[in-house]
Amino acid sequence: MCGRFNLVFNPEIQRLCASLGISLQGSFFSDDIAPGGRIAIVHEKGGRRQVSEAIWWLFLDPQTLKPNYKYASFNSRSDKLNNKRGISYKPFRESRCLIPASAFIEGLGDKKTYHKIELENSAIAFGGLYKEHLNHETGEIVYSASIITLPPLTPQWDAIHPKSMPLMIDFEDKDLVRKWLDPEFQAVEEFESLLEPKVTKPMRVTRIGKPSKWDAIEDSFLIVV
């Protein structure tokens, strides 16, 4: 994943909130969110589903609780989730989350070709991981999070981002969402099919200019199921 998404208040996001039984504060909405920024995560704590603010960077400096830029941990690769020495091994089993979004940006890797991707008539719920950190000065809990990335979708993804694509969870699948958010559910082998790149809903793809501006420069096209 190139590393940018947005969260815009619209009917699609309202349907996501209704389906998940959550509400989103106005401070969570942004036209442009980059790694290290503040994001909303949907997770479960004490048997209750809740929305928390998190830093979009899983691995934080333990002293400052700011992103540790030595490690690019705003994404967590799916092929590393079962590596017992990896940073994502424990969160994949104990602290999964959903990250609501409206659209995201992928780059080809040539520093000039970028596309905005949306789900047709639907919001996005990225499959994510999170960690809790204690701020020793304030006693507050600080959350950090990453988006799970999958192998690229080929051949449709070859001209968009040939290295990976983000995991998107069907937020209308109540049983899947229940298991994904349940910190006690550790039978992660049931999620294997999720980690295979596939199109489950039509994707609207639009070529853009500068990623931070999200400016369309070509007509959109669809990648269908």
Protein backbone atom coordinates (compact mmCIF):
# COMPACT_ATOMS: atom_id res chain seq x y z
CA MET A 1 0.00 0.00 0.00
CA CYS A 2 1.33 3.41 -0.97
CA GLY A 3 0.47 4.94 2.36
CA ARG A 4 -2.43 7.37 2.12
CA PHE A 5 -6.17 7.16 2.67
CA ASN A 6 -9.06 9.40 3.55
CA LEU A 7 -12.19 9.24 5.66
CA VAL A 8 -15.05 11.40 4.43
CA PHE A 9 -18.48 11.74 6.02
CA ASN A 10 -20.94 10.41 3.46
CA PRO A 11 -23.82 7.88 3.18
CA GLU A 12 -21.39 5.00 2.64
CA ILE A 13 -19.56 5.73 5.91
CA GLN A 14 -22.92 6.12 7.66
CA ARG A 15 -23.87 2.62 6.50
CA LEU A 16 -20.55 1.25 7.76
CA CYS A 17 -21.16 2.84 11.16
CA ALA A 18 -24.69 1.43 11.31
CA SER A 19 -23.49 -2.04 10.34
CA LEU A 20 -20.72 -2.04 12.97
CA GLY A 21 -22.81 -0.34 15.63
CA ILE A 22 -20.38 2.54 16.09
CA SER A 23 -20.21 6.30 15.71
CA LEU A 24 -17.29 8.38 14.48
CA GLN A 25 -16.31 11.74 15.95
CA GLY A 26 -15.83 14.64 13.59
CA SER A 27 -12.13 14.76 14.46
CA PHE A 28 -11.61 11.40 12.76
CA PHE A 29 -12.61 12.70 9.32
CA SER A 30 -9.88 13.93 7.00
CA ASP A 31 -9.42 14.38 3.26
CA ASP A 32 -5.83 13.13 3.48
CA ILE A 33 -4.26 10.83 6.08
CA ALA A 34 -0.59 9.89 5.78
CA PRO A 35 1.50 7.40 7.80
CA GLY A 36 2.17 8.66 11.30
CA GLY A 37 -1.15 10.52 11.32
CA ARG A 38 -4.14 10.04 13.59
CA ILE A 39 -6.70 7.47 12.52
CA ALA A 40 -9.81 5.80 13.90
CA ILE A 41 -9.70 2.13 14.82
CA VAL A 42 -12.65 -0.10 15.66
CA HIS A 43 -11.73 -2.69 18.27
CA GLU A 44 -13.09 -4.61 21.21
CA LYS A 45 -12.14 -4.06 24.83
CA GLY A 46 -13.75 -5.53 27.90
CA GLY A 47 -16.33 -7.24 25.73
CA ARG A 48 -17.46 -3.96 24.20
CA ARG A 49 -16.92 -2.65 20.68
CA GLN A 50 -15.42 0.82 20.62
CA VAL A 51 -13.71 3.41 18.44
CA SER A 52 -10.35 4.82 19.52
CA GLU A 53 -7.84 7.25 18.09
CA ALA A 54 -4.58 5.60 17.03
CA ILE A 55 -1.29 6.56 15.47
CA TRP A 56 -0.97 4.99 12.03
CA TRP A 57 2.38 3.34 12.80
CA LEU A 58 2.43 0.09 14.75
CA PHE A 59 5.96 0.33 16.19
CA LEU A 60 6.41 3.40 18.41
CA ASP A 61 9.46 4.73 20.21
CA PRO A 62 8.91 3.55 23.83
CA GLN A 63 10.19 6.83 25.25
CA THR A 64 8.36 9.35 23.11
CA LEU A 65 5.42 7.20 21.90
CA LYS A 66 5.96 8.65 18.46
CA PRO A 67 6.50 6.62 15.27
CA ASN A 68 9.82 4.81 15.20
CA TYR A 69 10.85 5.71 11.67
CA LYS A 70 13.61 3.09 11.64
CA TYR A 71 10.87 0.58 10.89
CA ALA A 72 8.14 1.21 8.31
CA SER A 73 5.36 -0.36 10.36
CA PHE A 74 2.31 1.49 9.04
CA ASN A 75 1.64 -1.71 7.07
CA SER A 76 1.94 -5.32 8.24
CA ARG A 77 2.67 -7.86 5.51
CA SER A 78 0.40 -10.89 5.52
CA ASP A 79 3.31 -13.27 4.94
CA LYS A 80 4.87 -12.09 8.22
CA LEU A 81 1.81 -12.62 10.43
CA ASN A 82 2.84 -16.14 11.41
CA ASN A 83 6.49 -15.30 12.05
CA LYS A 84 6.84 -15.79 15.81
CA ARG A 85 9.68 -13.26 15.94
CA GLY A 86 7.80 -10.63 14.00
CA ILE A 87 6.15 -7.54 15.49
CA SER A 88 2.77 -8.50 14.00
CA TYR A 89 2.63 -12.09 15.32
CA LYS A 90 1.04 -11.31 18.71
CA PRO A 91 -1.29 -8.52 17.53
CA PHE A 92 -2.64 -10.78 14.78
CA ARG A 93 -3.77 -13.16 17.50
CA GLU A 94 -4.79 -10.77 20.25
CA SER A 95 -5.47 -7.26 18.95
CA ARG A 96 -7.03 -7.05 15.51
CA CYS A 97 -9.01 -4.03 14.46
CA LEU A 98 -10.90 -2.45 11.60
CA ILE A 99 -9.83 0.88 10.14
CA PRO A 100 -12.65 2.77 8.40
CA ALA A 101 -11.84 4.64 5.19
CA SER A 102 -13.49 6.13 2.14
CA ALA A 103 -10.66 5.71 -0.39
CA PHE A 104 -6.93 5.03 -0.56
CA ILE A 105 -4.01 5.76 -2.85
CA GLU A 106 -1.62 3.31 -4.46
CA GLY A 107 1.57 4.19 -6.29
CA LEU A 108 3.21 2.27 -9.11
CA GLY A 109 6.65 2.86 -7.61
CA ASP A 110 7.94 5.21 -10.28
CA LYS A 111 7.15 8.31 -8.15
CA LYS A 112 4.80 9.65 -10.82
CA THR A 113 1.97 7.15 -11.28
CA TYR A 114 -0.71 7.16 -8.59
CA HIS A 115 -4.29 5.95 -8.41
CA LYS A 116 -7.18 6.55 -6.02
CA ILE A 117 -9.14 3.40 -5.22
CA GLU A 118 -12.70 3.33 -3.89
CA LEU A 119 -15.18 0.53 -3.44
CA GLU A 120 -18.22 1.11 -5.63
CA ASN A 121 -21.10 2.30 -3.43
CA SER A 122 -19.37 1.16 -0.26
CA ALA A 123 -17.05 2.39 2.46
CA ILE A 124 -13.87 0.48 3.27
CA ALA A 125 -12.97 -1.39 6.44
CA PHE A 126 -9.27 -2.18 6.34
CA GLY A 127 -8.16 -5.21 8.31
CA GLY A 128 -5.66 -3.90 10.84
CA LEU A 129 -3.61 -4.64 13.93
CA TYR A 130 -3.11 -2.45 16.95
CA LYS A 131 -1.00 -2.15 20.08
CA GLU A 132 -1.54 -0.43 23.42
CA HIS A 133 1.15 1.78 24.96
CA LEU A 134 1.11 3.37 28.41
CA ASN A 135 2.05 7.03 28.62
CA HIS A 136 3.93 7.02 31.93
CA GLU A 137 3.61 10.77 32.32
CA THR A 138 -0.16 11.00 31.94
CA GLY A 139 -1.25 7.44 32.68
CA GLU A 140 -3.21 7.41 29.42
CA ILE A 141 -3.29 4.57 26.90
CA VAL A 142 -1.91 5.42 23.45
CA TYR A 143 -2.90 3.19 20.53
CA SER A 144 -0.83 2.48 17.44
CA ALA A 145 -2.03 0.56 14.39
CA SER A 146 -1.11 -0.83 10.99
CA ILE A 147 -2.98 -2.03 7.91
CA ILE A 148 -2.44 -5.63 6.80
CA THR A 149 -1.23 -5.87 3.22
CA LEU A 150 -1.66 -8.81 0.86
CA PRO A 151 0.23 -9.94 -2.23
CA PRO A 152 -0.75 -7.91 -5.32
CA LEU A 153 -3.91 -8.68 -7.23
CA THR A 154 -2.77 -9.78 -10.68
CA PRO A 155 -3.14 -8.92 -13.46
CA GLN A 156 -5.56 -6.11 -12.49
CA TRP A 157 -3.12 -4.56 -10.01
CA ASP A 158 0.01 -4.67 -12.20
CA ALA A 159 -0.30 -1.08 -13.40
CA ILE A 160 -1.48 0.22 -10.01
CA HIS A 161 0.78 -1.19 -7.30
CA PRO A 162 2.60 -4.42 -8.23
CA LYS A 163 3.89 -5.13 -4.72
CA SER A 164 0.80 -5.36 -2.52
CA MET A 165 -2.80 -4.43 -1.82
CA PRO A 166 -4.51 -3.73 1.52
CA LEU A 167 -6.74 -6.23 3.28
CA MET A 168 -10.37 -5.10 3.14
CA ILE A 169 -12.88 -6.80 5.44
CA ASP A 170 -16.55 -7.26 4.53
CA PHE A 171 -18.01 -5.22 7.39
CA GLU A 172 -21.50 -6.54 6.61
CA ASP A 173 -20.40 -10.11 7.43
CA LYS A 174 -21.45 -10.10 11.09
CA ASP A 175 -19.83 -13.43 11.98
CA LEU A 176 -16.53 -12.48 10.37
CA VAL A 177 -16.46 -9.08 12.09
CA ARG A 178 -17.29 -10.69 15.44
CA LYS A 179 -14.38 -13.13 15.15
CA TRP A 180 -11.98 -10.52 13.76
CA LEU A 181 -12.56 -8.11 16.63
CA ASP A 182 -12.73 -10.71 19.40
CA PRO A 183 -9.35 -10.64 21.23
CA GLU A 184 -10.12 -14.11 22.63
CA PHE A 185 -10.52 -15.63 19.15
CA GLN A 186 -7.10 -16.99 18.24
CA ALA A 187 -8.00 -19.61 15.62
CA VAL A 188 -6.36 -17.40 13.00
CA GLU A 189 -6.25 -20.23 10.49
CA GLU A 190 -9.89 -19.34 9.83
CA PHE A 191 -8.66 -16.06 8.32
CA GLU A 192 -6.43 -17.72 5.71
CA SER A 193 -8.90 -17.12 2.88
CA LEU A 194 -8.95 -13.41 3.75
CA LEU A 195 -5.21 -13.22 3.11
CA GLU A 196 -5.58 -14.18 -0.55
CA PRO A 197 -5.84 -11.16 -2.89
CA LYS A 198 -9.26 -10.99 -4.51
CA VAL A 199 -11.94 -8.55 -5.60
CA THR A 200 -15.05 -8.95 -3.45
CA LYS A 201 -16.68 -5.65 -4.41
CA PRO A 202 -16.19 -3.57 -7.57
CA MET A 203 -13.32 -1.10 -7.25
CA ARG A 204 -13.42 2.34 -8.85
CA VAL A 205 -9.89 3.36 -9.85
CA THR A 206 -8.91 6.92 -10.81
CA ARG A 207 -5.50 8.13 -11.95
CA ILE A 208 -4.43 11.15 -9.89
CA GLY A 209 -1.58 13.64 -9.95
CA LYS A 210 -0.01 14.54 -6.62
CA PRO A 211 -0.97 12.06 -3.85
CA SER A 212 -1.53 14.72 -1.20
CA LYS A 213 -3.91 16.61 -3.51
CA TRP A 214 -5.97 13.61 -4.71
CA ASP A 215 -6.45 15.41 -8.05
CA ALA A 216 -7.99 13.27 -10.80
CA ILE A 217 -6.20 13.50 -14.14
CA GLU A 218 -7.93 10.68 -16.04
CA ASP A 219 -11.35 9.11 -16.20
CA SER A 220 -12.16 6.37 -13.69
CA PHE A 221 -12.45 2.69 -14.53
CA LEU A 222 -13.80 -0.34 -12.67
CA ILE A 223 -12.13 -3.52 -11.51
CA VAL A 224 -14.99 -5.97 -11.06
CA VAL A 225 -15.46 -9.24 -9.21
